[in-house]
Amino acid sequence: MKVNVGGIDRILRIVVGLVLILLAATGTVGWWGWIGVVPLLTGLFKFCPLYSLLGMNTCPMEKKS
């Protein structure tokens, strides 16, 4: 797995993921809030499989090499 998520993208993924999980856990939103696990994990692991398929990369260190 090559790192392809970086910077602001990573922070936004983690924050959005945590907010969705928190809302789902408190019952504020329905079961669909647990989808927040996906952006949380992609942010924590700095890897997004969809980015790989689309050839995208938001990590500045990987763009230089």
Protein backbone atom coordinates (compact mmCIF):
# COMPACT_ATOMS: atom_id res chain seq x y z
CA MET A 1 0.00 0.00 0.00
CA LYS A 2 1.46 3.31 -1.08
CA VAL A 3 0.49 6.41 0.86
CA ASN A 4 -1.95 8.44 -1.25
CA VAL A 5 -3.84 10.54 1.33
CA GLY A 6 -2.13 13.50 2.89
CA GLY A 7 -2.50 16.87 4.57
CA ILE A 8 -5.90 18.48 4.79
CA ASP A 9 -7.53 15.51 3.05
CA ARG A 10 -6.37 13.23 5.87
CA ILE A 11 -7.53 15.58 8.63
CA LEU A 12 -10.95 16.01 7.02
CA ARG A 13 -11.40 12.26 6.63
CA ILE A 14 -10.59 11.64 10.29
CA VAL A 15 -12.83 14.43 11.58
CA VAL A 16 -15.79 13.51 9.34
CA GLY A 17 -15.39 9.84 10.22
CA LEU A 18 -15.33 10.52 13.96
CA VAL A 19 -18.33 12.86 13.77
CA LEU A 20 -20.40 10.33 11.82
CA ILE A 21 -19.49 7.52 14.22
CA LEU A 22 -20.32 9.71 17.22
CA LEU A 23 -23.68 10.70 15.74
CA ALA A 24 -24.50 7.06 14.98
CA ALA A 25 -23.44 5.91 18.45
CA THR A 26 -25.66 8.51 20.14
CA GLY A 27 -28.63 7.72 17.93
CA THR A 28 -28.72 11.19 16.34
CA VAL A 29 -28.53 9.67 12.87
CA GLY A 30 -29.53 6.22 11.70
CA TRP A 31 -27.37 3.17 11.17
CA TRP A 32 -25.88 4.76 8.05
CA GLY A 33 -23.72 6.94 10.31
CA TRP A 34 -21.46 3.94 10.85
CA ILE A 35 -20.19 4.52 7.30
CA GLY A 36 -17.90 6.99 9.09
CA VAL A 37 -15.61 4.04 9.74
CA VAL A 38 -14.50 4.19 6.09
CA PRO A 39 -13.17 7.77 6.03
CA LEU A 40 -11.72 7.30 9.52
CA LEU A 41 -9.70 4.25 8.47
CA THR A 42 -8.57 5.76 5.17
CA GLY A 43 -7.40 8.81 7.08
CA LEU A 44 -5.58 6.81 9.74
CA PHE A 45 -3.87 4.49 7.25
CA LYS A 46 -3.18 7.31 4.74
CA PHE A 47 -4.43 5.05 1.96
CA CYS A 48 -7.61 5.21 -0.10
CA PRO A 49 -8.32 2.30 -2.47
CA LEU A 50 -10.58 4.50 -4.62
CA TYR A 51 -7.75 7.00 -5.09
CA SER A 52 -5.57 4.13 -6.33
CA LEU A 53 -8.19 3.08 -8.87
CA LEU A 54 -8.60 6.67 -10.09
CA GLY A 55 -4.87 7.42 -10.07
CA MET A 56 -5.26 10.23 -7.54
CA ASN A 57 -2.81 11.27 -4.84
CA THR A 58 -3.10 14.09 -2.27
CA CYS A 59 0.12 13.30 -0.46
CA PRO A 60 2.79 15.87 -1.39
CA MET A 61 5.71 13.61 -0.40
CA GLU A 62 4.61 10.89 -2.84
CA LYS A 63 4.21 13.36 -5.71
CA LYS A 64 7.87 14.38 -5.49
CA SER A 65 9.27 10.87 -5.98
